[in-house]
């Protein structure tokens, strides 16, 4: 999380997560990022012996600095979610 005069820039690692499988919300001073990471179809048919990136539903909560923020932009690229939060004035 990086703070600028205009707001916050947040980068969250979400490898294997599709944009349509993410939910972003702010309630009071908590940013909530939730979603679902699906297993590739070929992996659903066999036994899993080792899995470094968990699959299924996930949720992350991040406490924001005081002052109030609103999601200005979000983009999911190269396995990372990039969020721009504008400061409320």
PDB file of N, CA and C in Angstrom:
ATOM      1  N   UNK A   1       0.854  -1.162   0.000  1.00  0.00           N
ATOM      2  CA  UNK A   1       0.000   0.000   0.000  1.00  0.00           C
ATOM      3  C   UNK A   1       0.906   1.232   0.000  1.00  0.00           C
ATOM      4  N   UNK A   2       0.607   2.140  -0.917  1.00  0.00           N
ATOM      5  CA  UNK A   2       1.369   3.376  -1.058  1.00  0.00           C
ATOM      6  C   UNK A   2       0.397   4.550  -0.959  1.00  0.00           C
ATOM      7  N   UNK A   3       0.773   5.583  -0.211  1.00  0.00           N
ATOM      8  CA  UNK A   3      -0.088   6.758  -0.091  1.00  0.00           C
ATOM      9  C   UNK A   3       0.498   7.919  -0.876  1.00  0.00           C
ATOM     10  N   UNK A   4      -0.368   8.613  -1.601  1.00  0.00           N
ATOM     11  CA  UNK A   4       0.000   9.830  -2.322  1.00  0.00           C
ATOM     12  C   UNK A   4      -0.890  10.958  -1.798  1.00  0.00           C
ATOM     13  N   UNK A   5      -0.703  12.156  -2.317  1.00  0.00           N
ATOM     14  CA  UNK A   5      -1.565  13.274  -1.912  1.00  0.00           C
ATOM     15  C   UNK A   5      -3.019  13.022  -2.295  1.00  0.00           C
ATOM     16  N   UNK A   6      -3.237  12.337  -3.425  1.00  0.00           N
ATOM     17  CA  UNK A   6      -4.593  12.112  -3.930  1.00  0.00           C
ATOM     18  C   UNK A   6      -5.278  10.881  -3.340  1.00  0.00           C
ATOM     19  N   UNK A   7      -4.501   9.912  -2.854  1.00  0.00           N
ATOM     20  CA  UNK A   7      -5.128   8.697  -2.343  1.00  0.00           C
ATOM     21  C   UNK A   7      -4.147   7.586  -2.080  1.00  0.00           C
ATOM     22  N   UNK A   8      -4.619   6.364  -2.264  1.00  0.00           N
ATOM     23  CA  UNK A   8      -3.803   5.171  -2.013  1.00  0.00           C
ATOM     24  C   UNK A   8      -3.670   4.348  -3.281  1.00  0.00           C
ATOM     25  N   UNK A   9      -2.518   3.734  -3.442  1.00  0.00           N
ATOM     26  CA  UNK A   9      -2.290   2.752  -4.496  1.00  0.00           C
ATOM     27  C   UNK A   9      -1.999   1.432  -3.798  1.00  0.00           C
ATOM     28  N   UNK A  10      -2.752   0.406  -4.149  1.00  0.00           N
ATOM     29  CA  UNK A  10      -2.628  -0.899  -3.489  1.00  0.00           C
ATOM     30  C   UNK A  10      -2.406  -1.959  -4.549  1.00  0.00           C
ATOM     31  N   UNK A  11      -1.442  -2.855  -4.287  1.00  0.00           N
ATOM     32  CA  UNK A  11      -1.165  -3.975  -5.173  1.00  0.00           C
ATOM     33  C   UNK A  11      -1.343  -5.256  -4.357  1.00  0.00           C
ATOM     34  N   UNK A  12      -2.201  -6.157  -4.867  1.00  0.00           N
ATOM     35  CA  UNK A  12      -2.492  -7.417  -4.180  1.00  0.00           C
ATOM     36  C   UNK A  12      -2.194  -8.571  -5.133  1.00  0.00           C
ATOM     37  N   UNK A  13      -1.384  -9.523  -4.706  1.00  0.00           N
ATOM     38  CA  UNK A  13      -1.067 -10.689  -5.540  1.00  0.00           C
ATOM     39  C   UNK A  13      -2.267 -11.634  -5.566  1.00  0.00           C
ATOM     40  N   UNK A  14      -2.808 -11.880  -6.761  1.00  0.00           N
ATOM     41  CA  UNK A  14      -3.947 -12.785  -6.930  1.00  0.00           C
ATOM     42  C   UNK A  14      -3.700 -13.711  -8.125  1.00  0.00           C
ATOM     43  N   UNK A  15      -2.648 -14.529  -8.086  1.00  0.00           N
ATOM     44  CA  UNK A  15      -2.371 -15.401  -9.234  1.00  0.00           C
ATOM     45  C   UNK A  15      -3.520 -16.371  -9.496  1.00  0.00           C
ATOM     46  N   UNK A  16      -3.864 -16.502 -10.768  1.00  0.00           N
ATOM     47  CA  UNK A  16      -4.892 -17.458 -11.159  1.00  0.00           C
ATOM     48  C   UNK A  16      -6.322 -17.020 -10.930  1.00  0.00           C
ATOM     49  N   UNK A  17      -6.533 -15.768 -10.559  1.00  0.00           N
ATOM     50  CA  UNK A  17      -7.889 -15.272 -10.288  1.00  0.00           C
ATOM     51  C   UNK A  17      -8.354 -14.418 -11.469  1.00  0.00           C
ATOM     52  N   UNK A  18      -9.548 -14.702 -11.946  1.00  0.00           N
ATOM     53  CA  UNK A  18     -10.140 -13.940 -13.047  1.00  0.00           C
ATOM     54  C   UNK A  18     -10.808 -12.678 -12.496  1.00  0.00           C
ATOM     55  N   UNK A  19     -10.808 -11.584 -13.275  1.00  0.00           N
ATOM     56  CA  UNK A  19     -11.461 -10.350 -12.813  1.00  0.00           C
ATOM     57  C   UNK A  19     -12.923 -10.562 -12.417  1.00  0.00           C
ATOM     58  N   UNK A  20     -13.635 -11.408 -13.133  1.00  0.00           N
ATOM     59  CA  UNK A  20     -15.048 -11.642 -12.827  1.00  0.00           C
ATOM     60  C   UNK A  20     -15.243 -12.403 -11.508  1.00  0.00           C
ATOM     61  N   UNK A  21     -14.172 -12.970 -10.973  1.00  0.00           N
ATOM     62  CA  UNK A  21     -14.249 -13.730  -9.715  1.00  0.00           C
ATOM     63  C   UNK A  21     -13.778 -12.919  -8.511  1.00  0.00           C
ATOM     64  N   UNK A  22     -13.723 -11.584  -8.629  1.00  0.00           N
ATOM     65  CA  UNK A  22     -13.283 -10.750  -7.511  1.00  0.00           C
ATOM     66  C   UNK A  22     -14.385  -9.794  -7.073  1.00  0.00           C
ATOM     67  N   UNK A  23     -14.371  -9.462  -5.793  1.00  0.00           N
ATOM     68  CA  UNK A  23     -15.291  -8.480  -5.198  1.00  0.00           C
ATOM     69  C   UNK A  23     -14.456  -7.510  -4.366  1.00  0.00           C
ATOM     70  N   UNK A  24     -14.681  -6.225  -4.537  1.00  0.00           N
ATOM     71  CA  UNK A  24     -13.942  -5.205  -3.797  1.00  0.00           C
ATOM     72  C   UNK A  24     -14.951  -4.299  -3.110  1.00  0.00           C
ATOM     73  N   UNK A  25     -14.748  -4.071  -1.810  1.00  0.00           N
ATOM     74  CA  UNK A  25     -15.648  -3.163  -1.093  1.00  0.00           C
ATOM     75  C   UNK A  25     -14.881  -2.447   0.013  1.00  0.00           C
ATOM     76  N   UNK A  26     -15.392  -1.284   0.412  1.00  0.00           N
ATOM     77  CA  UNK A  26     -14.843  -0.534   1.534  1.00  0.00           C
ATOM     78  C   UNK A  26     -15.976  -0.278   2.509  1.00  0.00           C
ATOM     79  N   UNK A  27     -15.751  -0.652   3.757  1.00  0.00           N
ATOM     80  CA  UNK A  27     -16.723  -0.375   4.812  1.00  0.00           C
ATOM     81  C   UNK A  27     -15.971   0.262   5.967  1.00  0.00           C
ATOM     82  N   UNK A  28     -16.315   1.493   6.239  1.00  0.00           N
ATOM     83  CA  UNK A  28     -15.607   2.322   7.219  1.00  0.00           C
ATOM     84  C   UNK A  28     -14.135   2.415   6.826  1.00  0.00           C
ATOM     85  N   UNK A  29     -13.231   1.833   7.600  1.00  0.00           N
ATOM     86  CA  UNK A  29     -11.806   1.927   7.281  1.00  0.00           C
ATOM     87  C   UNK A  29     -11.210   0.571   6.875  1.00  0.00           C
ATOM     88  N   UNK A  30     -12.052  -0.336   6.396  1.00  0.00           N
ATOM     89  CA  UNK A  30     -11.596  -1.668   6.001  1.00  0.00           C
ATOM     90  C   UNK A  30     -11.861  -1.890   4.508  1.00  0.00           C
ATOM     91  N   UNK A  31     -10.786  -2.183   3.768  1.00  0.00           N
ATOM     92  CA  UNK A  31     -10.895  -2.597   2.370  1.00  0.00           C
ATOM     93  C   UNK A  31     -11.018  -4.110   2.365  1.00  0.00           C
ATOM     94  N   UNK A  32     -12.055  -4.628   1.707  1.00  0.00           N
ATOM     95  CA  UNK A  32     -12.260  -6.074   1.635  1.00  0.00           C
ATOM     96  C   UNK A  32     -12.121  -6.513   0.190  1.00  0.00           C
ATOM     97  N   UNK A  33     -11.248  -7.487  -0.019  1.00  0.00           N
ATOM     98  CA  UNK A  33     -11.055  -8.088  -1.339  1.00  0.00           C
ATOM     99  C   UNK A  33     -11.389  -9.562  -1.188  1.00  0.00           C
ATOM    100  N   UNK A  34     -12.409  -9.999  -1.902  1.00  0.00           N
ATOM    101  CA  UNK A  34     -12.846 -11.393  -1.826  1.00  0.00           C
ATOM    102  C   UNK A  34     -12.910 -11.949  -3.242  1.00  0.00           C
ATOM    103  N   UNK A  35     -12.908 -13.246  -3.332  1.00  0.00           N
ATOM    104  CA  UNK A  35     -13.003 -13.842  -4.655  1.00  0.00           C
ATOM    105  C   UNK A  35     -12.923 -15.350  -4.617  1.00  0.00           C
ATOM    106  N   UNK A  36     -12.696 -15.904  -5.803  1.00  0.00           N
ATOM    107  CA  UNK A  36     -12.652 -17.353  -5.952  1.00  0.00           C
ATOM    108  C   UNK A  36     -11.543 -17.711  -6.943  1.00  0.00           C
ATOM    109  N   UNK A  37     -10.654 -18.589  -6.520  1.00  0.00           N
ATOM    110  CA  UNK A  37      -9.586 -19.084  -7.397  1.00  0.00           C
ATOM    111  C   UNK A  37      -9.969 -20.499  -7.827  1.00  0.00           C
ATOM    112  N   UNK A  38     -10.139 -20.683  -9.130  1.00  0.00           N
ATOM    113  CA  UNK A  38     -10.562 -21.969  -9.671  1.00  0.00           C
ATOM    114  C   UNK A  38      -9.356 -22.817 -10.060  1.00  0.00           C
ATOM    115  N   UNK A  39      -9.497 -24.109  -9.890  1.00  0.00           N
ATOM    116  CA  UNK A  39      -8.483 -25.029 -10.409  1.00  0.00           C
ATOM    117  C   UNK A  39      -8.658 -25.152 -11.916  1.00  0.00           C
ATOM    118  N   UNK A  40      -7.563 -25.217 -12.661  1.00  0.00           N
ATOM    119  CA  UNK A  40      -7.696 -25.470 -14.103  1.00  0.00           C
ATOM    120  C   UNK A  40      -8.387 -26.815 -14.320  1.00  0.00           C
ATOM    121  N   UNK A  41      -9.191 -26.945 -15.375  1.00  0.00           N
ATOM    122  CA  UNK A  41      -9.957 -28.185 -15.600  1.00  0.00           C
ATOM    123  C   UNK A  41      -9.106 -29.455 -15.582  1.00  0.00           C
ATOM    124  N   UNK A  42      -7.909 -29.426 -16.135  1.00  0.00           N
ATOM    125  CA  UNK A  42      -7.079 -30.633 -16.170  1.00  0.00           C
ATOM    126  C   UNK A  42      -6.704 -31.101 -14.764  1.00  0.00           C
ATOM    127  N   UNK A  43      -6.627 -30.177 -13.806  1.00  0.00           N
ATOM    128  CA  UNK A  43      -6.249 -30.536 -12.428  1.00  0.00           C
ATOM    129  C   UNK A  43      -7.415 -31.104 -11.633  1.00  0.00           C
ATOM    130  N   UNK A  44      -8.620 -30.957 -12.115  1.00  0.00           N
ATOM    131  CA  UNK A  44      -9.798 -31.434 -11.383  1.00  0.00           C
ATOM    132  C   UNK A  44      -9.984 -32.939 -11.499  1.00  0.00           C
ATOM    133  N   UNK A  45      -9.276 -33.567 -12.429  1.00  0.00           N
ATOM    134  CA  UNK A  45      -9.486 -34.991 -12.690  1.00  0.00           C
ATOM    135  C   UNK A  45      -8.487 -35.901 -11.987  1.00  0.00           C
ATOM    136  N   UNK A  46      -7.453 -35.354 -11.389  1.00  0.00           N
ATOM    137  CA  UNK A  46      -6.425 -36.201 -10.800  1.00  0.00           C
ATOM    138  C   UNK A  46      -6.242 -35.944  -9.319  1.00  0.00           C
ATOM    139  N   UNK A  47      -5.326 -36.688  -8.730  1.00  0.00           N
ATOM    140  CA  UNK A  47      -4.979 -36.518  -7.320  1.00  0.00           C
ATOM    141  C   UNK A  47      -3.974 -35.367  -7.203  1.00  0.00           C
ATOM    142  N   UNK A  48      -4.146 -34.547  -6.183  1.00  0.00           N
ATOM    143  CA  UNK A  48      -3.226 -33.440  -5.939  1.00  0.00           C
ATOM    144  C   UNK A  48      -2.218 -33.892  -4.889  1.00  0.00           C
ATOM    145  N   UNK A  49      -0.937 -33.851  -5.230  1.00  0.00           N
ATOM    146  CA  UNK A  49       0.122 -34.224  -4.299  1.00  0.00           C
ATOM    147  C   UNK A  49       0.773 -33.008  -3.656  1.00  0.00           C
ATOM    148  N   UNK A  50       0.792 -31.913  -4.372  1.00  0.00           N
ATOM    149  CA  UNK A  50       1.352 -30.670  -3.834  1.00  0.00           C
ATOM    150  C   UNK A  50       0.653 -29.500  -4.520  1.00  0.00           C
ATOM    151  N   UNK A  51       0.259 -28.518  -3.733  1.00  0.00           N
ATOM    152  CA  UNK A  51      -0.452 -27.357  -4.260  1.00  0.00           C
ATOM    153  C   UNK A  51       0.068 -26.119  -3.538  1.00  0.00           C
ATOM    154  N   UNK A  52       0.787 -25.252  -4.253  1.00  0.00           N
ATOM    155  CA  UNK A  52       1.378 -24.076  -3.619  1.00  0.00           C
ATOM    156  C   UNK A  52       0.450 -22.876  -3.606  1.00  0.00           C
ATOM    157  N   UNK A  53      -0.477 -22.825  -4.550  1.00  0.00           N
ATOM    158  CA  UNK A  53      -1.447 -21.733  -4.582  1.00  0.00           C
ATOM    159  C   UNK A  53      -2.811 -22.342  -4.266  1.00  0.00           C
ATOM    160  N   UNK A  54      -3.382 -21.998  -3.102  1.00  0.00           N
ATOM    161  CA  UNK A  54      -4.663 -22.592  -2.728  1.00  0.00           C
ATOM    162  C   UNK A  54      -5.773 -22.199  -3.702  1.00  0.00           C
ATOM    163  N   UNK A  55      -6.785 -23.029  -3.774  1.00  0.00           N
ATOM    164  CA  UNK A  55      -7.932 -22.745  -4.633  1.00  0.00           C
ATOM    165  C   UNK A  55      -9.173 -22.596  -3.757  1.00  0.00           C
ATOM    166  N   UNK A  56     -10.240 -22.100  -4.366  1.00  0.00           N
ATOM    167  CA  UNK A  56     -11.485 -21.902  -3.632  1.00  0.00           C
ATOM    168  C   UNK A  56     -11.670 -20.440  -3.244  1.00  0.00           C
ATOM    169  N   UNK A  57     -12.605 -20.206  -2.352  1.00  0.00           N
ATOM    170  CA  UNK A  57     -12.955 -18.853  -1.922  1.00  0.00           C
ATOM    171  C   UNK A  57     -11.872 -18.291  -1.009  1.00  0.00           C
ATOM    172  N   UNK A  58     -11.615 -16.995  -1.143  1.00  0.00           N
ATOM    173  CA  UNK A  58     -10.670 -16.312  -0.264  1.00  0.00           C
ATOM    174  C   UNK A  58     -11.213 -14.929   0.058  1.00  0.00           C
ATOM    175  N   UNK A  59     -10.689 -14.353   1.120  1.00  0.00           N
ATOM    176  CA  UNK A  59     -11.047 -12.990   1.503  1.00  0.00           C
ATOM    177  C   UNK A  59      -9.875 -12.372   2.241  1.00  0.00           C
ATOM    178  N   UNK A  60      -9.564 -11.135   1.900  1.00  0.00           N
ATOM    179  CA  UNK A  60      -8.514 -10.386   2.577  1.00  0.00           C
ATOM    180  C   UNK A  60      -9.102  -9.069   3.052  1.00  0.00           C
ATOM    181  N   UNK A  61      -8.754  -8.686   4.270  1.00  0.00           N
ATOM    182  CA  UNK A  61      -9.195  -7.409   4.819  1.00  0.00           C
ATOM    183  C   UNK A  61      -7.964  -6.574   5.120  1.00  0.00           C
ATOM    184  N   UNK A  62      -7.988  -5.323   4.675  1.00  0.00           N
ATOM    185  CA  UNK A  62      -6.863  -4.420   4.869  1.00  0.00           C
ATOM    186  C   UNK A  62      -7.370  -3.158   5.541  1.00  0.00           C
ATOM    187  N   UNK A  63      -6.794  -2.826   6.702  1.00  0.00           N
ATOM    188  CA  UNK A  63      -7.186  -1.598   7.399  1.00  0.00           C
ATOM    189  C   UNK A  63      -6.564  -0.410   6.659  1.00  0.00           C
ATOM    190  N   UNK A  64      -7.392   0.577   6.353  1.00  0.00           N
ATOM    191  CA  UNK A  64      -6.952   1.762   5.633  1.00  0.00           C
ATOM    192  C   UNK A  64      -6.620   2.881   6.607  1.00  0.00           C
ATOM    193  N   UNK A  65      -5.744   3.802   6.213  1.00  0.00           N
ATOM    194  CA  UNK A  65      -5.474   4.966   7.060  1.00  0.00           C
ATOM    195  C   UNK A  65      -6.755   5.779   7.273  1.00  0.00           C
ATOM    196  N   UNK A  66      -6.757   6.596   8.294  1.00  0.00           N
ATOM    197  CA  UNK A  66      -7.920   7.442   8.593  1.00  0.00           C
ATOM    198  C   UNK A  66      -8.174   8.424   7.452  1.00  0.00           C
ATOM    199  N   UNK A  67      -9.428   8.783   7.262  1.00  0.00           N
ATOM    200  CA  UNK A  67      -9.742   9.828   6.300  1.00  0.00           C
ATOM    201  C   UNK A  67     -10.810   9.477   5.288  1.00  0.00           C
ATOM    202  N   UNK A  68     -11.059   8.244   5.017  1.00  0.00           N
ATOM    203  CA  UNK A  68     -12.087   7.853   4.065  1.00  0.00           C
ATOM    204  C   UNK A  68     -11.579   7.774   2.637  1.00  0.00           C
ATOM    205  N   UNK A  69     -11.929   6.698   1.942  1.00  0.00           N
ATOM    206  CA  UNK A  69     -11.467   6.454   0.578  1.00  0.00           C
ATOM    207  C   UNK A  69     -12.586   5.833  -0.249  1.00  0.00           C
ATOM    208  N   UNK A  70     -12.473   5.985  -1.565  1.00  0.00           N
ATOM    209  CA  UNK A  70     -13.411   5.382  -2.500  1.00  0.00           C
ATOM    210  C   UNK A  70     -12.602   4.749  -3.628  1.00  0.00           C
ATOM    211  N   UNK A  71     -13.060   3.593  -4.125  1.00  0.00           N
ATOM    212  CA  UNK A  71     -12.360   2.917  -5.217  1.00  0.00           C
ATOM    213  C   UNK A  71     -12.500   3.764  -6.476  1.00  0.00           C
ATOM    214  N   UNK A  72     -11.369   4.207  -7.001  1.00  0.00           N
ATOM    215  CA  UNK A  72     -11.351   5.031  -8.203  1.00  0.00           C
ATOM    216  C   UNK A  72     -11.153   4.156  -9.447  1.00  0.00           C
ATOM    217  N   UNK A  73     -10.181   3.262  -9.380  1.00  0.00           N
ATOM    218  CA  UNK A  73      -9.874   2.355 -10.492  1.00  0.00           C
ATOM    219  C   UNK A  73      -9.394   1.020  -9.941  1.00  0.00           C
ATOM    220  N   UNK A  74      -9.663  -0.039 -10.708  1.00  0.00           N
ATOM    221  CA  UNK A  74      -9.105  -1.352 -10.379  1.00  0.00           C
ATOM    222  C   UNK A  74      -8.787  -2.076 -11.685  1.00  0.00           C
ATOM    223  N   UNK A  75      -7.695  -2.831 -11.662  1.00  0.00           N
ATOM    224  CA  UNK A  75      -7.288  -3.609 -12.831  1.00  0.00           C
ATOM    225  C   UNK A  75      -6.569  -4.853 -12.344  1.00  0.00           C
ATOM    226  N   UNK A  76      -6.830  -5.966 -13.002  1.00  0.00           N
ATOM    227  CA  UNK A  76      -6.166  -7.223 -12.678  1.00  0.00           C
ATOM    228  C   UNK A  76      -5.286  -7.581 -13.862  1.00  0.00           C
ATOM    229  N   UNK A  77      -3.963  -7.594 -13.640  1.00  0.00           N
ATOM    230  CA  UNK A  77      -3.017  -7.873 -14.724  1.00  0.00           C
ATOM    231  C   UNK A  77      -1.809  -8.616 -14.173  1.00  0.00           C
ATOM    232  N   UNK A  78      -1.344  -9.593 -14.926  1.00  0.00           N
ATOM    233  CA  UNK A  78      -0.147 -10.357 -14.558  1.00  0.00           C
ATOM    234  C   UNK A  78      -0.223 -10.937 -13.149  1.00  0.00           C
ATOM    235  N   UNK A  79      -1.403 -11.372 -12.751  1.00  0.00           N
ATOM    236  CA  UNK A  79      -1.570 -12.002 -11.443  1.00  0.00           C
ATOM    237  C   UNK A  79      -1.641 -11.034 -10.274  1.00  0.00           C
ATOM    238  N   UNK A  80      -1.737  -9.727 -10.555  1.00  0.00           N
ATOM    239  CA  UNK A  80      -1.814  -8.736  -9.483  1.00  0.00           C
ATOM    240  C   UNK A  80      -3.034  -7.839  -9.676  1.00  0.00           C
ATOM    241  N   UNK A  81      -3.689  -7.529  -8.573  1.00  0.00           N
ATOM    242  CA  UNK A  81      -4.799  -6.581  -8.570  1.00  0.00           C
ATOM    243  C   UNK A  81      -4.226  -5.214  -8.210  1.00  0.00           C
ATOM    244  N   UNK A  82      -4.441  -4.236  -9.080  1.00  0.00           N
ATOM    245  CA  UNK A  82      -3.974  -2.873  -8.861  1.00  0.00           C
ATOM    246  C   UNK A  82      -5.190  -2.011  -8.536  1.00  0.00           C
ATOM    247  N   UNK A  83      -5.195  -1.408  -7.345  1.00  0.00           N
ATOM    248  CA  UNK A  83      -6.307  -0.570  -6.920  1.00  0.00           C
ATOM    249  C   UNK A  83      -5.829   0.854  -6.704  1.00  0.00           C
ATOM    250  N   UNK A  84      -6.639   1.797  -7.153  1.00  0.00           N
ATOM    251  CA  UNK A  84      -6.403   3.211  -6.884  1.00  0.00           C
ATOM    252  C   UNK A  84      -7.598   3.703  -6.069  1.00  0.00           C
ATOM    253  N   UNK A  85      -7.335   4.143  -4.844  1.00  0.00           N
ATOM    254  CA  UNK A  85      -8.381   4.646  -3.971  1.00  0.00           C
ATOM    255  C   UNK A  85      -8.223   6.153  -3.823  1.00  0.00           C
ATOM    256  N   UNK A  86      -9.285   6.882  -4.108  1.00  0.00           N
ATOM    257  CA  UNK A  86      -9.262   8.341  -3.982  1.00  0.00           C
ATOM    258  C   UNK A  86      -9.634   8.745  -2.565  1.00  0.00           C
ATOM    259  N   UNK A  87      -8.943   9.762  -2.042  1.00  0.00           N
ATOM    260  CA  UNK A  87      -9.287  10.304  -0.736  1.00  0.00           C
ATOM    261  C   UNK A  87     -10.599  11.065  -0.847  1.00  0.00           C
ATOM    262  N   UNK A  88     -11.469  10.874   0.119  1.00  0.00           N
ATOM    263  CA  UNK A  88     -12.729  11.630   0.177  1.00  0.00           C
ATOM    264  C   UNK A  88     -12.425  12.985   0.795  1.00  0.00           C
ATOM    265  N   UNK A  89     -12.938  14.001   0.207  1.00  0.00           N
ATOM    266  CA  UNK A  89     -12.651  15.362   0.686  1.00  0.00           C
ATOM    267  C   UNK A  89     -13.845  15.967   1.333  1.00  0.00           C
TER     268      UNK A  89
END
